[in-house]
Each structure stands twice: as C-alpha cells, then as structure tokens.
Amino acid sequence: TRRRMYIETLERVLGGMDKLIIDEKTSASGV
C-alpha cells in the first residue's frame, strides 16, 4: 500500500512536468 501510494503521488506530481531521462550506460566516457 505504501509503495502504491508513493507511485500514485509521484504520478500526480510529475504527471504534468517535462522530463528528460538520461541513460548513463549509453555514454562510453564519463563526460
């Protein structure tokens, strides 16, 4: 229940925001 509530809260908070997801594994170097 706590996890579901946490996920639902994040969904309400972040649902209307612009998000960029960066995958660190795709970068060979640390730059």
PDB file of all heavy atoms in Angstrom:
ATOM      1  N   THR A   1       0.839  -1.213   0.000  1.00  0.00           N
ATOM      2  CA  THR A   1       0.000   0.000   0.000  1.00  0.00           C
ATOM      3  C   THR A   1       0.859   1.242   0.000  1.00  0.00           C
ATOM      4  O   THR A   1       0.584   2.222  -0.722  1.00  0.00           O
ATOM      5  CB  THR A   1      -0.920  -0.005   1.222  1.00  0.00           C
ATOM      6  OG1 THR A   1      -1.704  -1.213   1.224  1.00  0.00           O
ATOM      7  CG2 THR A   1      -1.836   1.203   1.201  1.00  0.00           C
ATOM      8  N   ARG A   2       1.957   1.256   0.819  1.00  0.00           N
ATOM      9  CA  ARG A   2       2.833   2.422   0.843  1.00  0.00           C
ATOM     10  C   ARG A   2       3.470   2.632  -0.518  1.00  0.00           C
ATOM     11  O   ARG A   2       3.563   3.764  -1.005  1.00  0.00           O
ATOM     12  CB  ARG A   2       3.905   2.244   1.920  1.00  0.00           C
ATOM     13  CG  ARG A   2       3.398   2.530   3.315  1.00  0.00           C
ATOM     14  CD  ARG A   2       4.562   2.776   4.270  1.00  0.00           C
ATOM     15  NE  ARG A   2       5.443   1.598   4.342  1.00  0.00           N
ATOM     16  CZ  ARG A   2       5.301   0.630   5.247  1.00  0.00           C
ATOM     17  NH1 ARG A   2       4.329   0.697   6.150  1.00  0.00           N
ATOM     18  NH2 ARG A   2       6.145  -0.380   5.260  1.00  0.00           N
ATOM     19  N   ARG A   3       3.890   1.544  -1.156  1.00  0.00           N
ATOM     20  CA  ARG A   3       4.534   1.689  -2.453  1.00  0.00           C
ATOM     21  C   ARG A   3       3.532   2.217  -3.498  1.00  0.00           C
ATOM     22  O   ARG A   3       3.862   3.077  -4.315  1.00  0.00           O
ATOM     23  CB  ARG A   3       5.124   0.337  -2.896  1.00  0.00           C
ATOM     24  CG  ARG A   3       5.910   0.437  -4.203  1.00  0.00           C
ATOM     25  CD  ARG A   3       6.673  -0.842  -4.487  1.00  0.00           C
ATOM     26  NE  ARG A   3       7.445  -0.725  -5.696  1.00  0.00           N
ATOM     27  CZ  ARG A   3       8.636  -0.114  -5.792  1.00  0.00           C
ATOM     28  NH1 ARG A   3       9.198   0.424  -4.710  1.00  0.00           N
ATOM     29  NH2 ARG A   3       9.286  -0.061  -6.951  1.00  0.00           N
ATOM     30  N   ARG A   4       2.318   1.673  -3.443  1.00  0.00           N
ATOM     31  CA  ARG A   4       1.308   2.139  -4.412  1.00  0.00           C
ATOM     32  C   ARG A   4       0.987   3.597  -4.184  1.00  0.00           C
ATOM     33  O   ARG A   4       0.834   4.371  -5.135  1.00  0.00           O
ATOM     34  CB  ARG A   4       0.046   1.277  -4.294  1.00  0.00           C
ATOM     35  CG  ARG A   4      -1.029   1.631  -5.313  1.00  0.00           C
ATOM     36  CD  ARG A   4      -2.163   0.651  -5.234  1.00  0.00           C
ATOM     37  NE  ARG A   4      -2.813   0.681  -3.936  1.00  0.00           N
ATOM     38  CZ  ARG A   4      -3.710   1.577  -3.562  1.00  0.00           C
ATOM     39  NH1 ARG A   4      -4.057   2.534  -4.411  1.00  0.00           N
ATOM     40  NH2 ARG A   4      -4.249   1.516  -2.379  1.00  0.00           N
ATOM     41  N   MET A   5       0.884   3.994  -2.923  1.00  0.00           N
ATOM     42  CA  MET A   5       0.621   5.399  -2.619  1.00  0.00           C
ATOM     43  C   MET A   5       1.769   6.278  -3.074  1.00  0.00           C
ATOM     44  O   MET A   5       1.556   7.385  -3.595  1.00  0.00           O
ATOM     45  CB  MET A   5       0.361   5.579  -1.119  1.00  0.00           C
ATOM     46  CG  MET A   5      -0.930   4.923  -0.635  1.00  0.00           C
ATOM     47  SD  MET A   5      -1.122   5.022   1.162  1.00  0.00           S
ATOM     48  CE  MET A   5      -1.230   6.787   1.363  1.00  0.00           C
ATOM     49  N   TYR A   6       3.009   5.794  -2.914  1.00  0.00           N
ATOM     50  CA  TYR A   6       4.171   6.561  -3.353  1.00  0.00           C
ATOM     51  C   TYR A   6       4.156   6.738  -4.860  1.00  0.00           C
ATOM     52  O   TYR A   6       4.371   7.830  -5.385  1.00  0.00           O
ATOM     53  CB  TYR A   6       5.456   5.851  -2.894  1.00  0.00           C
ATOM     54  CG  TYR A   6       6.720   6.484  -3.409  1.00  0.00           C
ATOM     55  CD1 TYR A   6       7.195   7.680  -2.851  1.00  0.00           C
ATOM     56  CD2 TYR A   6       7.428   5.897  -4.461  1.00  0.00           C
ATOM     57  CE1 TYR A   6       8.361   8.263  -3.356  1.00  0.00           C
ATOM     58  CE2 TYR A   6       8.586   6.474  -4.957  1.00  0.00           C
ATOM     59  CZ  TYR A   6       9.047   7.669  -4.404  1.00  0.00           C
ATOM     60  OH  TYR A   6      10.172   8.266  -4.887  1.00  0.00           O
ATOM     61  N   ILE A   7       3.861   5.636  -5.575  1.00  0.00           N
ATOM     62  CA  ILE A   7       3.824   5.713  -7.041  1.00  0.00           C
ATOM     63  C   ILE A   7       2.702   6.636  -7.503  1.00  0.00           C
ATOM     64  O   ILE A   7       2.865   7.450  -8.428  1.00  0.00           O
ATOM     65  CB  ILE A   7       3.679   4.300  -7.633  1.00  0.00           C
ATOM     66  CG1 ILE A   7       4.939   3.461  -7.319  1.00  0.00           C
ATOM     67  CG2 ILE A   7       3.425   4.353  -9.127  1.00  0.00           C
ATOM     68  CD1 ILE A   7       4.818   2.007  -7.707  1.00  0.00           C
ATOM     69  N   GLU A   8       1.539   6.558  -6.895  1.00  0.00           N
ATOM     70  CA  GLU A   8       0.411   7.417  -7.282  1.00  0.00           C
ATOM     71  C   GLU A   8       0.729   8.882  -7.001  1.00  0.00           C
ATOM     72  O   GLU A   8       0.376   9.772  -7.788  1.00  0.00           O
ATOM     73  CB  GLU A   8      -0.847   6.995  -6.541  1.00  0.00           C
ATOM     74  CG  GLU A   8      -1.401   5.649  -7.009  1.00  0.00           C
ATOM     75  CD  GLU A   8      -2.621   5.225  -6.220  1.00  0.00           C
ATOM     76  OE1 GLU A   8      -2.966   5.931  -5.239  1.00  0.00           O
ATOM     77  OE2 GLU A   8      -3.253   4.201  -6.573  1.00  0.00           O
ATOM     78  N   THR A   9       1.443   9.128  -5.902  1.00  0.00           N
ATOM     79  CA  THR A   9       1.809  10.515  -5.591  1.00  0.00           C
ATOM     80  C   THR A   9       2.785  11.051  -6.615  1.00  0.00           C
ATOM     81  O   THR A   9       2.651  12.186  -7.086  1.00  0.00           O
ATOM     82  CB  THR A   9       2.414  10.605  -4.186  1.00  0.00           C
ATOM     83  OG1 THR A   9       1.473  10.091  -3.235  1.00  0.00           O
ATOM     84  CG2 THR A   9       2.753  12.027  -3.816  1.00  0.00           C
ATOM     85  N   LEU A  10       3.788  10.271  -6.965  1.00  0.00           N
ATOM     86  CA  LEU A  10       4.733  10.693  -7.999  1.00  0.00           C
ATOM     87  C   LEU A  10       4.011  10.917  -9.329  1.00  0.00           C
ATOM     88  O   LEU A  10       4.330  11.834 -10.082  1.00  0.00           O
ATOM     89  CB  LEU A  10       5.840   9.647  -8.160  1.00  0.00           C
ATOM     90  CG  LEU A  10       6.857   9.555  -7.003  1.00  0.00           C
ATOM     91  CD1 LEU A  10       7.871   8.449  -7.293  1.00  0.00           C
ATOM     92  CD2 LEU A  10       7.580  10.880  -6.796  1.00  0.00           C
ATOM     93  N   GLU A  11       3.035  10.066  -9.600  1.00  0.00           N
ATOM     94  CA  GLU A  11       2.291  10.222 -10.848  1.00  0.00           C
ATOM     95  C   GLU A  11       1.518  11.543 -10.861  1.00  0.00           C
ATOM     96  O   GLU A  11       1.491  12.233 -11.891  1.00  0.00           O
ATOM     97  CB  GLU A  11       1.339   9.035 -11.026  1.00  0.00           C
ATOM     98  CG  GLU A  11       0.560   9.084 -12.319  1.00  0.00           C
ATOM     99  CD  GLU A  11      -0.390   7.904 -12.435  1.00  0.00           C
ATOM    100  OE1 GLU A  11      -0.439   7.061 -11.506  1.00  0.00           O
ATOM    101  OE2 GLU A  11      -1.090   7.824 -13.458  1.00  0.00           O
ATOM    102  N   ARG A  12       0.930  11.910  -9.747  1.00  0.00           N
ATOM    103  CA  ARG A  12       0.205  13.183  -9.694  1.00  0.00           C
ATOM    104  C   ARG A  12       1.158  14.365  -9.770  1.00  0.00           C
ATOM    105  O   ARG A  12       0.862  15.365 -10.415  1.00  0.00           O
ATOM    106  CB  ARG A  12      -0.630  13.267  -8.414  1.00  0.00           C
ATOM    107  CG  ARG A  12      -1.861  12.403  -8.412  1.00  0.00           C
ATOM    108  CD  ARG A  12      -2.848  12.858  -7.355  1.00  0.00           C
ATOM    109  NE  ARG A  12      -2.221  12.907  -6.037  1.00  0.00           N
ATOM    110  CZ  ARG A  12      -2.174  11.890  -5.183  1.00  0.00           C
ATOM    111  NH1 ARG A  12      -2.689  10.713  -5.539  1.00  0.00           N
ATOM    112  NH2 ARG A  12      -1.598  12.013  -4.010  1.00  0.00           N
ATOM    113  N   VAL A  13       2.321  14.235  -9.096  1.00  0.00           N
ATOM    114  CA  VAL A  13       3.249  15.371  -9.051  1.00  0.00           C
ATOM    115  C   VAL A  13       3.978  15.524 -10.373  1.00  0.00           C
ATOM    116  O   VAL A  13       4.123  16.626 -10.901  1.00  0.00           O
ATOM    117  CB  VAL A  13       4.235  15.203  -7.883  1.00  0.00           C
ATOM    118  CG1 VAL A  13       5.319  16.266  -7.924  1.00  0.00           C
ATOM    119  CG2 VAL A  13       3.487  15.246  -6.548  1.00  0.00           C
ATOM    120  N   LEU A  14       4.468  14.442 -10.901  1.00  0.00           N
ATOM    121  CA  LEU A  14       5.306  14.503 -12.091  1.00  0.00           C
ATOM    122  C   LEU A  14       4.520  14.330 -13.392  1.00  0.00           C
ATOM    123  O   LEU A  14       5.085  14.410 -14.471  1.00  0.00           O
ATOM    124  CB  LEU A  14       6.391  13.422 -12.020  1.00  0.00           C
ATOM    125  CG  LEU A  14       7.330  13.511 -10.805  1.00  0.00           C
ATOM    126  CD1 LEU A  14       8.313  12.347 -10.830  1.00  0.00           C
ATOM    127  CD2 LEU A  14       8.075  14.839 -10.783  1.00  0.00           C
ATOM    128  N   GLY A  15       3.229  14.073 -13.284  1.00  0.00           N
ATOM    129  CA  GLY A  15       2.461  13.806 -14.487  1.00  0.00           C
ATOM    130  C   GLY A  15       2.405  14.985 -15.430  1.00  0.00           C
ATOM    131  O   GLY A  15       2.382  14.820 -16.639  1.00  0.00           O
ATOM    132  N   GLY A  16       2.411  16.200 -14.928  1.00  0.00           N
ATOM    133  CA  GLY A  16       2.316  17.365 -15.789  1.00  0.00           C
ATOM    134  C   GLY A  16       3.640  18.055 -16.032  1.00  0.00           C
ATOM    135  O   GLY A  16       3.662  19.206 -16.517  1.00  0.00           O
ATOM    136  N   MET A  17       4.749  17.437 -15.706  1.00  0.00           N
ATOM    137  CA  MET A  17       6.055  18.069 -15.847  1.00  0.00           C
ATOM    138  C   MET A  17       6.770  17.526 -17.086  1.00  0.00           C
ATOM    139  O   MET A  17       6.496  16.416 -17.557  1.00  0.00           O
ATOM    140  CB  MET A  17       6.915  17.799 -14.600  1.00  0.00           C
ATOM    141  CG  MET A  17       6.314  18.383 -13.324  1.00  0.00           C
ATOM    142  SD  MET A  17       7.329  17.978 -11.886  1.00  0.00           S
ATOM    143  CE  MET A  17       8.823  18.854 -12.308  1.00  0.00           C
ATOM    144  N   ASP A  18       7.702  18.399 -17.613  1.00  0.00           N
ATOM    145  CA  ASP A  18       8.556  17.957 -18.722  1.00  0.00           C
ATOM    146  C   ASP A  18       9.754  17.191 -18.141  1.00  0.00           C
ATOM    147  O   ASP A  18      10.468  17.714 -17.264  1.00  0.00           O
ATOM    148  CB  ASP A  18       9.054  19.155 -19.527  1.00  0.00           C
ATOM    149  CG  ASP A  18       7.904  19.874 -20.215  1.00  0.00           C
ATOM    150  OD1 ASP A  18       6.879  19.213 -20.513  1.00  0.00           O
ATOM    151  OD2 ASP A  18       7.996  21.092 -20.433  1.00  0.00           O
ATOM    152  N   LYS A  19       9.962  15.990 -18.605  1.00  0.00           N
ATOM    153  CA  LYS A  19      11.011  15.127 -18.043  1.00  0.00           C
ATOM    154  C   LYS A  19      11.981  14.705 -19.155  1.00  0.00           C
ATOM    155  O   LYS A  19      11.552  14.440 -20.294  1.00  0.00           O
ATOM    156  CB  LYS A  19      10.386  13.885 -17.415  1.00  0.00           C
ATOM    157  CG  LYS A  19       9.452  14.192 -16.258  1.00  0.00           C
ATOM    158  CD  LYS A  19       8.853  12.940 -15.690  1.00  0.00           C
ATOM    159  CE  LYS A  19       7.889  12.310 -16.699  1.00  0.00           C
ATOM    160  NZ  LYS A  19       6.748  13.166 -16.993  1.00  0.00           N
ATOM    161  N   LEU A  20      13.254  14.668 -18.812  1.00  0.00           N
ATOM    162  CA  LEU A  20      14.309  14.132 -19.690  1.00  0.00           C
ATOM    163  C   LEU A  20      15.018  13.009 -18.928  1.00  0.00           C
ATOM    164  O   LEU A  20      15.513  13.198 -17.829  1.00  0.00           O
ATOM    165  CB  LEU A  20      15.333  15.219 -20.060  1.00  0.00           C
ATOM    166  CG  LEU A  20      14.787  16.365 -20.922  1.00  0.00           C
ATOM    167  CD1 LEU A  20      15.864  17.411 -21.113  1.00  0.00           C
ATOM    168  CD2 LEU A  20      14.318  15.822 -22.252  1.00  0.00           C
ATOM    169  N   ILE A  21      15.042  11.829 -19.533  1.00  0.00           N
ATOM    170  CA  ILE A  21      15.666  10.661 -18.899  1.00  0.00           C
ATOM    171  C   ILE A  21      16.974  10.367 -19.634  1.00  0.00           C
ATOM    172  O   ILE A  21      17.000  10.175 -20.857  1.00  0.00           O
ATOM    173  CB  ILE A  21      14.730   9.446 -18.962  1.00  0.00           C
ATOM    174  CG1 ILE A  21      13.397   9.775 -18.236  1.00  0.00           C
ATOM    175  CG2 ILE A  21      15.394   8.223 -18.350  1.00  0.00           C
ATOM    176  CD1 ILE A  21      12.358   8.694 -18.352  1.00  0.00           C
ATOM    177  N   ILE A  22      18.088  10.371 -18.902  1.00  0.00           N
ATOM    178  CA  ILE A  22      19.435  10.133 -19.469  1.00  0.00           C
ATOM    179  C   ILE A  22      19.944   8.787 -18.960  1.00  0.00           C
ATOM    180  O   ILE A  22      19.988   8.546 -17.742  1.00  0.00           O
ATOM    181  CB  ILE A  22      20.412  11.254 -19.073  1.00  0.00           C
ATOM    182  CG1 ILE A  22      19.881  12.605 -19.586  1.00  0.00           C
ATOM    183  CG2 ILE A  22      21.808  10.979 -19.615  1.00  0.00           C
ATOM    184  CD1 ILE A  22      20.705  13.787 -19.100  1.00  0.00           C
ATOM    185  N   ASP A  23      20.273   7.968 -19.863  1.00  0.00           N
ATOM    186  CA  ASP A  23      20.802   6.653 -19.515  1.00  0.00           C
ATOM    187  C   ASP A  23      22.332   6.775 -19.487  1.00  0.00           C
ATOM    188  O   ASP A  23      22.960   7.049 -20.511  1.00  0.00           O
ATOM    189  CB  ASP A  23      20.356   5.608 -20.539  1.00  0.00           C
ATOM    190  CG  ASP A  23      20.710   4.190 -20.095  1.00  0.00           C
ATOM    191  OD1 ASP A  23      21.278   4.051 -18.987  1.00  0.00           O
ATOM    192  OD2 ASP A  23      20.343   3.252 -20.828  1.00  0.00           O
ATOM    193  N   GLU A  24      22.921   6.582 -18.345  1.00  0.00           N
ATOM    194  CA  GLU A  24      24.368   6.735 -18.190  1.00  0.00           C
ATOM    195  C   GLU A  24      25.126   5.633 -18.925  1.00  0.00           C
ATOM    196  O   GLU A  24      26.293   5.802 -19.292  1.00  0.00           O
ATOM    197  CB  GLU A  24      24.736   6.717 -16.703  1.00  0.00           C
ATOM    198  CG  GLU A  24      24.148   7.881 -15.928  1.00  0.00           C
ATOM    199  CD  GLU A  24      24.508   7.804 -14.462  1.00  0.00           C
ATOM    200  OE1 GLU A  24      25.075   6.768 -14.066  1.00  0.00           O
ATOM    201  OE2 GLU A  24      24.186   8.773 -13.729  1.00  0.00           O
ATOM    202  N   LYS A  25      24.514   4.520 -19.141  1.00  0.00           N
ATOM    203  CA  LYS A  25      25.215   3.407 -19.772  1.00  0.00           C
ATOM    204  C   LYS A  25      25.496   3.668 -21.248  1.00  0.00           C
ATOM    205  O   LYS A  25      26.345   3.044 -21.846  1.00  0.00           O
ATOM    206  CB  LYS A  25      24.401   2.119 -19.641  1.00  0.00           C
ATOM    207  CG  LYS A  25      24.214   1.683 -18.203  1.00  0.00           C
ATOM    208  CD  LYS A  25      23.381   0.411 -18.116  1.00  0.00           C
ATOM    209  CE  LYS A  25      23.193  -0.035 -16.676  1.00  0.00           C
ATOM    210  NZ  LYS A  25      22.385  -1.266 -16.577  1.00  0.00           N
ATOM    211  N   THR A  26      24.748   4.537 -21.852  1.00  0.00           N
ATOM    212  CA  THR A  26      24.959   4.809 -23.274  1.00  0.00           C
ATOM    213  C   THR A  26      26.207   5.645 -23.513  1.00  0.00           C
ATOM    214  O   THR A  26      26.682   5.772 -24.631  1.00  0.00           O
ATOM    215  CB  THR A  26      23.741   5.541 -23.863  1.00  0.00           C
ATOM    216  OG1 THR A  26      23.549   6.758 -23.139  1.00  0.00           O
ATOM    217  CG2 THR A  26      22.499   4.685 -23.758  1.00  0.00           C
ATOM    218  N   SER A  27      26.755   6.257 -22.509  1.00  0.00           N
ATOM    219  CA  SER A  27      27.937   7.111 -22.652  1.00  0.00           C
ATOM    220  C   SER A  27      29.186   6.283 -22.309  1.00  0.00           C
ATOM    221  O   SER A  27      29.275   5.725 -21.213  1.00  0.00           O
ATOM    222  CB  SER A  27      27.829   8.335 -21.724  1.00  0.00           C
ATOM    223  OG  SER A  27      28.975   9.109 -21.821  1.00  0.00           O
ATOM    224  N   ALA A  28      30.127   6.210 -23.280  1.00  0.00           N
ATOM    225  CA  ALA A  28      31.345   5.425 -23.057  1.00  0.00           C
ATOM    226  C   ALA A  28      32.264   6.086 -22.065  1.00  0.00           C
ATOM    227  O   ALA A  28      32.915   5.451 -21.263  1.00  0.00           O
ATOM    228  CB  ALA A  28      32.070   5.211 -24.394  1.00  0.00           C
ATOM    229  N   SER A  29      32.305   7.387 -22.164  1.00  0.00           N
ATOM    230  CA  SER A  29      33.173   8.135 -21.244  1.00  0.00           C
ATOM    231  C   SER A  29      32.360   8.687 -20.107  1.00  0.00           C
ATOM    232  O   SER A  29      31.145   8.644 -20.118  1.00  0.00           O
ATOM    233  CB  SER A  29      33.882   9.275 -22.008  1.00  0.00           C
ATOM    234  OG  SER A  29      32.923  10.186 -22.472  1.00  0.00           O
ATOM    235  N   GLY A  30      33.032   9.215 -19.181  1.00  0.00           N
ATOM    236  CA  GLY A  30      32.335   9.789 -18.045  1.00  0.00           C
ATOM    237  C   GLY A  30      31.901  11.207 -18.246  1.00  0.00           C
ATOM    238  O   GLY A  30      31.466  11.873 -17.325  1.00  0.00           O
ATOM    239  N   VAL A  31      32.046  11.700 -19.506  1.00  0.00           N
ATOM    240  CA  VAL A  31      31.680  13.098 -19.768  1.00  0.00           C
ATOM    241  C   VAL A  31      30.192  13.145 -20.091  1.00  0.00           C
ATOM    242  O   VAL A  31      29.694  12.372 -20.904  1.00  0.00           O
ATOM    243  CB  VAL A  31      32.519  13.665 -20.909  1.00  0.00           C
ATOM    244  CG1 VAL A  31      32.119  15.097 -21.199  1.00  0.00           C
ATOM    245  CG2 VAL A  31      34.002  13.573 -20.564  1.00  0.00           C
TER     246      VAL A  31
END
